Amino acid sequence: MKNFIKEFQVFIIKGSVVELAIGVVVGVAFNAVVNSLVKDIVLGLIANIFGQPDFSALAWGAVKWGSFLNNLLNLLIVGLSIFVVIKLVNRLTGSKFGEPTPVIEKK
């Protein structure tokens, strides 16, 4: 049992686990911002142009294609937002998108 606890301590203290936890927390906050962007700004602009701020009411019988359209729009904005953030971070750090991360071997 002591060995199990010791292994767990080593695992939980590893940087990758901590970084993953931080990534999840930041991801949740980023999701809230993007959802607000979509619902409060983009759909508001669509409402001003087309008169209907939300597509979820659009349906063809039982097929709710308007809800799918809302989710697709959200996905595209999330993807674009993540792409822009990664480009900005890469510019600030000097790394390039798609470049493999160097592996440091421990001796």
N, C-alpha and C. Protein backbone atom coordinates (compact mmCIF):
# COMPACT_ATOMS: atom_id res chain seq x y z
N MET A 1 0.83 -1.20 0.00
CA MET A 1 0.00 0.00 0.00
C MET A 1 0.87 1.25 0.00
N LYS A 2 1.99 1.22 0.76
CA LYS A 2 2.88 2.38 0.80
C LYS A 2 3.45 2.67 -0.58
N ASN A 3 3.79 1.59 -1.30
CA ASN A 3 4.34 1.76 -2.65
C ASN A 3 3.31 2.41 -3.57
N PHE A 4 2.05 2.00 -3.44
CA PHE A 4 0.97 2.56 -4.24
C PHE A 4 0.82 4.06 -3.98
N ILE A 5 0.84 4.44 -2.71
CA ILE A 5 0.71 5.85 -2.33
C ILE A 5 1.91 6.65 -2.85
N LYS A 6 3.11 6.06 -2.76
CA LYS A 6 4.32 6.75 -3.25
C LYS A 6 4.24 6.96 -4.76
N GLU A 7 3.79 5.93 -5.49
CA GLU A 7 3.64 6.05 -6.95
C GLU A 7 2.59 7.10 -7.29
N PHE A 8 1.51 7.15 -6.54
CA PHE A 8 0.47 8.14 -6.79
C PHE A 8 1.00 9.55 -6.56
N GLN A 9 1.80 9.74 -5.51
CA GLN A 9 2.38 11.06 -5.24
C GLN A 9 3.28 11.50 -6.39
N VAL A 10 4.10 10.58 -6.89
CA VAL A 10 4.98 10.91 -8.02
C VAL A 10 4.15 11.27 -9.25
N PHE A 11 3.08 10.49 -9.48
CA PHE A 11 2.23 10.74 -10.64
C PHE A 11 1.54 12.09 -10.56
N ILE A 12 0.98 12.41 -9.40
CA ILE A 12 0.19 13.63 -9.26
C ILE A 12 1.06 14.88 -9.25
N ILE A 13 2.31 14.75 -8.86
CA ILE A 13 3.20 15.90 -8.81
C ILE A 13 3.85 16.18 -10.15
N LYS A 14 3.81 15.21 -11.06
CA LYS A 14 4.40 15.41 -12.38
C LYS A 14 3.82 16.66 -13.01
N GLY A 15 4.64 17.37 -13.75
CA GLY A 15 4.19 18.61 -14.38
C GLY A 15 3.07 18.41 -15.37
N SER A 16 3.06 17.29 -16.08
CA SER A 16 2.04 17.08 -17.10
C SER A 16 0.65 16.98 -16.49
N VAL A 17 0.52 16.39 -15.30
CA VAL A 17 -0.79 16.29 -14.66
C VAL A 17 -1.25 17.67 -14.21
N VAL A 18 -0.35 18.43 -13.64
CA VAL A 18 -0.70 19.78 -13.19
C VAL A 18 -1.06 20.65 -14.39
N GLU A 19 -0.28 20.55 -15.47
CA GLU A 19 -0.57 21.33 -16.67
C GLU A 19 -1.93 20.94 -17.26
N LEU A 20 -2.24 19.65 -17.23
CA LEU A 20 -3.53 19.20 -17.74
C LEU A 20 -4.67 19.78 -16.90
N ALA A 21 -4.51 19.79 -15.60
CA ALA A 21 -5.54 20.36 -14.72
C ALA A 21 -5.73 21.85 -15.00
N ILE A 22 -4.63 22.55 -15.17
CA ILE A 22 -4.71 23.98 -15.49
C ILE A 22 -5.38 24.18 -16.83
N GLY A 23 -5.04 23.32 -17.80
CA GLY A 23 -5.66 23.41 -19.12
C GLY A 23 -7.16 23.21 -19.08
N VAL A 24 -7.61 22.28 -18.26
CA VAL A 24 -9.04 22.03 -18.13
C VAL A 24 -9.75 23.24 -17.53
N VAL A 25 -9.18 23.82 -16.49
CA VAL A 25 -9.78 24.99 -15.84
C VAL A 25 -9.84 26.16 -16.82
N VAL A 26 -8.74 26.41 -17.52
CA VAL A 26 -8.71 27.50 -18.50
C VAL A 26 -9.68 27.20 -19.64
N GLY A 27 -9.78 25.94 -20.04
CA GLY A 27 -10.71 25.56 -21.10
C GLY A 27 -12.15 25.82 -20.74
N VAL A 28 -12.51 25.55 -19.51
CA VAL A 28 -13.88 25.81 -19.05
C VAL A 28 -14.17 27.31 -19.08
N ALA A 29 -13.22 28.10 -18.62
CA ALA A 29 -13.41 29.56 -18.64
C ALA A 29 -13.48 30.07 -20.07
N PHE A 30 -12.62 29.52 -20.94
CA PHE A 30 -12.61 29.93 -22.35
C PHE A 30 -13.93 29.56 -23.01
N ASN A 31 -14.47 28.39 -22.67
CA ASN A 31 -15.75 27.96 -23.20
C ASN A 31 -16.86 28.95 -22.83
N ALA A 32 -16.85 29.43 -21.60
CA ALA A 32 -17.86 30.40 -21.17
C ALA A 32 -17.76 31.69 -21.97
N VAL A 33 -16.53 32.13 -22.23
CA VAL A 33 -16.33 33.35 -23.01
C VAL A 33 -16.81 33.15 -24.44
N VAL A 34 -16.47 32.03 -25.05
CA VAL A 34 -16.89 31.78 -26.44
C VAL A 34 -18.40 31.63 -26.53
N ASN A 35 -19.01 30.92 -25.58
CA ASN A 35 -20.47 30.80 -25.59
C ASN A 35 -21.14 32.16 -25.47
N SER A 36 -20.58 33.03 -24.65
CA SER A 36 -21.12 34.38 -24.52
C SER A 36 -20.94 35.15 -25.84
N LEU A 37 -19.78 34.97 -26.46
CA LEU A 37 -19.53 35.62 -27.76
C LEU A 37 -20.58 35.20 -28.78
N VAL A 38 -20.84 33.90 -28.83
CA VAL A 38 -21.82 33.39 -29.81
C VAL A 38 -23.22 33.88 -29.48
N LYS A 39 -23.66 33.68 -28.23
CA LYS A 39 -25.04 33.99 -27.86
C LYS A 39 -25.32 35.49 -27.77
N ASP A 40 -24.37 36.24 -27.21
CA ASP A 40 -24.63 37.65 -26.95
C ASP A 40 -24.23 38.57 -28.10
N ILE A 41 -23.23 38.20 -28.85
CA ILE A 41 -22.74 39.11 -29.89
C ILE A 41 -23.09 38.61 -31.29
N VAL A 42 -22.63 37.40 -31.64
CA VAL A 42 -22.83 36.91 -33.02
C VAL A 42 -24.31 36.73 -33.31
N LEU A 43 -25.03 36.06 -32.42
CA LEU A 43 -26.46 35.88 -32.67
C LEU A 43 -27.21 37.21 -32.61
N GLY A 44 -26.71 38.16 -31.82
CA GLY A 44 -27.30 39.50 -31.81
C GLY A 44 -27.12 40.20 -33.14
N LEU A 45 -25.93 40.06 -33.73
CA LEU A 45 -25.70 40.63 -35.06
C LEU A 45 -26.59 39.97 -36.10
N ILE A 46 -26.72 38.65 -36.01
CA ILE A 46 -27.60 37.93 -36.94
C ILE A 46 -29.05 38.39 -36.77
N ALA A 47 -29.44 38.64 -35.54
CA ALA A 47 -30.80 39.13 -35.29
C ALA A 47 -31.01 40.50 -35.93
N ASN A 48 -29.99 41.36 -35.85
CA ASN A 48 -30.12 42.68 -36.47
C ASN A 48 -30.19 42.60 -37.99
N ILE A 49 -29.51 41.62 -38.56
CA ILE A 49 -29.49 41.50 -40.02
C ILE A 49 -30.72 40.73 -40.53
N PHE A 50 -31.00 39.58 -39.93
CA PHE A 50 -32.05 38.70 -40.44
C PHE A 50 -33.33 38.71 -39.62
N GLY A 51 -33.30 39.31 -38.43
CA GLY A 51 -34.50 39.40 -37.62
C GLY A 51 -34.77 38.23 -36.71
N GLN A 52 -33.93 37.20 -36.74
CA GLN A 52 -34.14 36.06 -35.85
C GLN A 52 -32.81 35.73 -35.16
N PRO A 53 -32.71 35.98 -33.85
CA PRO A 53 -31.42 35.81 -33.17
C PRO A 53 -31.02 34.37 -32.89
N ASP A 54 -31.97 33.47 -32.94
CA ASP A 54 -31.69 32.09 -32.57
C ASP A 54 -32.28 31.17 -33.62
N PHE A 55 -31.46 30.24 -34.10
CA PHE A 55 -31.92 29.33 -35.13
C PHE A 55 -32.58 28.08 -34.58
N SER A 56 -32.58 27.90 -33.25
CA SER A 56 -33.06 26.64 -32.67
C SER A 56 -34.54 26.37 -32.96
N ALA A 57 -35.30 27.38 -33.27
CA ALA A 57 -36.72 27.18 -33.58
C ALA A 57 -36.94 26.64 -34.99
N LEU A 58 -35.90 26.71 -35.82
CA LEU A 58 -36.04 26.21 -37.18
C LEU A 58 -36.08 24.70 -37.18
N ALA A 59 -37.09 24.14 -37.82
CA ALA A 59 -37.23 22.69 -37.87
C ALA A 59 -37.96 22.29 -39.13
N TRP A 60 -37.74 21.06 -39.52
CA TRP A 60 -38.44 20.45 -40.63
C TRP A 60 -39.06 19.18 -40.10
N GLY A 61 -40.28 19.28 -39.64
CA GLY A 61 -40.91 18.16 -38.96
C GLY A 61 -40.23 17.95 -37.60
N ALA A 62 -39.74 16.74 -37.39
CA ALA A 62 -39.06 16.42 -36.13
C ALA A 62 -37.56 16.71 -36.21
N VAL A 63 -37.09 17.09 -37.38
CA VAL A 63 -35.66 17.37 -37.57
C VAL A 63 -35.39 18.82 -37.18
N LYS A 64 -34.65 19.01 -36.10
CA LYS A 64 -34.35 20.35 -35.60
C LYS A 64 -33.02 20.82 -36.17
N TRP A 65 -33.03 21.22 -37.41
CA TRP A 65 -31.78 21.61 -38.05
C TRP A 65 -31.30 22.98 -37.59
N GLY A 66 -32.17 23.77 -37.01
CA GLY A 66 -31.77 25.07 -36.48
C GLY A 66 -30.87 24.93 -35.27
N SER A 67 -31.17 23.97 -34.41
CA SER A 67 -30.32 23.71 -33.25
C SER A 67 -28.95 23.23 -33.70
N PHE A 68 -28.94 22.37 -34.73
CA PHE A 68 -27.67 21.92 -35.30
C PHE A 68 -26.89 23.10 -35.87
N LEU A 69 -27.57 24.01 -36.52
CA LEU A 69 -26.92 25.19 -37.08
C LEU A 69 -26.32 26.06 -35.98
N ASN A 70 -27.02 26.22 -34.86
CA ASN A 70 -26.47 26.96 -33.71
C ASN A 70 -25.19 26.30 -33.20
N ASN A 71 -25.23 24.98 -33.04
CA ASN A 71 -24.05 24.27 -32.54
C ASN A 71 -22.89 24.30 -33.53
N LEU A 72 -23.20 24.24 -34.81
CA LEU A 72 -22.16 24.32 -35.84
C LEU A 72 -21.50 25.70 -35.82
N LEU A 73 -22.29 26.73 -35.69
CA LEU A 73 -21.77 28.09 -35.59
C LEU A 73 -20.88 28.23 -34.35
N ASN A 74 -21.32 27.67 -33.25
CA ASN A 74 -20.54 27.69 -32.01
C ASN A 74 -19.21 26.97 -32.21
N LEU A 75 -19.23 25.81 -32.85
CA LEU A 75 -18.00 25.05 -33.11
C LEU A 75 -17.03 25.85 -33.97
N LEU A 76 -17.52 26.48 -35.00
CA LEU A 76 -16.65 27.27 -35.88
C LEU A 76 -16.03 28.45 -35.14
N ILE A 77 -16.79 29.10 -34.30
CA ILE A 77 -16.26 30.23 -33.54
C ILE A 77 -15.26 29.75 -32.49
N VAL A 78 -15.54 28.62 -31.84
CA VAL A 78 -14.59 28.06 -30.87
C VAL A 78 -13.29 27.69 -31.57
N GLY A 79 -13.39 27.02 -32.69
CA GLY A 79 -12.19 26.64 -33.45
C GLY A 79 -11.39 27.84 -33.89
N LEU A 80 -12.06 28.87 -34.39
CA LEU A 80 -11.37 30.09 -34.81
C LEU A 80 -10.73 30.78 -33.62
N SER A 81 -11.43 30.83 -32.50
CA SER A 81 -10.89 31.47 -31.30
C SER A 81 -9.65 30.75 -30.80
N ILE A 82 -9.70 29.42 -30.75
CA ILE A 82 -8.53 28.65 -30.31
C ILE A 82 -7.37 28.85 -31.27
N PHE A 83 -7.64 28.85 -32.56
CA PHE A 83 -6.60 29.07 -33.56
C PHE A 83 -5.93 30.43 -33.35
N VAL A 84 -6.72 31.47 -33.13
CA VAL A 84 -6.16 32.81 -32.92
C VAL A 84 -5.33 32.87 -31.65
N VAL A 85 -5.83 32.25 -30.57
CA VAL A 85 -5.07 32.24 -29.31
C VAL A 85 -3.75 31.50 -29.48
N ILE A 86 -3.76 30.35 -30.17
CA ILE A 86 -2.53 29.60 -30.39
C ILE A 86 -1.55 30.40 -31.24
N LYS A 87 -2.06 31.06 -32.27
CA LYS A 87 -1.18 31.91 -33.11
C LYS A 87 -0.56 33.02 -32.27
N LEU A 88 -1.33 33.64 -31.39
CA LEU A 88 -0.83 34.71 -30.55
C LEU A 88 0.23 34.19 -29.58
N VAL A 89 -0.05 33.06 -28.94
CA VAL A 89 0.92 32.47 -28.01
C VAL A 89 2.19 32.08 -28.74
N ASN A 90 2.06 31.49 -29.92
CA ASN A 90 3.24 31.12 -30.70
C ASN A 90 4.06 32.34 -31.10
N ARG A 91 3.39 33.42 -31.42
CA ARG A 91 4.11 34.65 -31.78
C ARG A 91 4.87 35.20 -30.57
N LEU A 92 4.22 35.15 -29.40
CA LEU A 92 4.85 35.65 -28.19
C LEU A 92 6.00 34.78 -27.71
N THR A 93 5.89 33.46 -27.91
CA THR A 93 6.93 32.55 -27.45
C THR A 93 7.97 32.24 -28.52
N GLY A 94 7.69 32.58 -29.75
CA GLY A 94 8.64 32.33 -30.83
C GLY A 94 8.56 30.92 -31.40
N SER A 95 7.61 30.11 -30.97
CA SER A 95 7.47 28.76 -31.51
C SER A 95 6.54 28.80 -32.72
N LYS A 96 6.52 27.69 -33.44
CA LYS A 96 5.68 27.63 -34.63
C LYS A 96 4.63 26.55 -34.47
N PHE A 97 3.44 26.81 -35.00
CA PHE A 97 2.33 25.88 -34.92
C PHE A 97 2.69 24.62 -35.71
N GLY A 98 2.46 23.45 -35.10
CA GLY A 98 2.73 22.20 -35.78
C GLY A 98 4.14 21.70 -35.62
N GLU A 99 5.01 22.50 -35.05
CA GLU A 99 6.39 22.10 -34.84
C GLU A 99 6.45 21.14 -33.66
N PRO A 100 7.17 20.01 -33.80
CA PRO A 100 7.21 19.08 -32.66
C PRO A 100 7.90 19.69 -31.45
N THR A 101 7.39 19.38 -30.29
CA THR A 101 7.98 19.87 -29.05
C THR A 101 9.24 19.07 -28.75
N PRO A 102 10.37 19.74 -28.47
CA PRO A 102 11.59 19.00 -28.18
C PRO A 102 11.45 18.19 -26.90
N VAL A 103 11.99 16.98 -26.95
CA VAL A 103 11.94 16.09 -25.80
C VAL A 103 13.25 16.16 -25.05
N ILE A 104 13.18 16.41 -23.76
CA ILE A 104 14.36 16.47 -22.93
C ILE A 104 14.49 15.15 -22.19
N GLU A 105 15.57 14.46 -22.46
CA GLU A 105 15.78 13.16 -21.82
C GLU A 105 16.45 13.35 -20.48
N LYS A 106 15.95 12.62 -19.49
CA LYS A 106 16.55 12.67 -18.15
C LYS A 106 17.61 11.58 -18.06
N LYS A 107 18.68 11.91 -17.43
CA LYS A 107 19.76 10.93 -17.26
C LYS A 107 19.78 10.39 -15.87
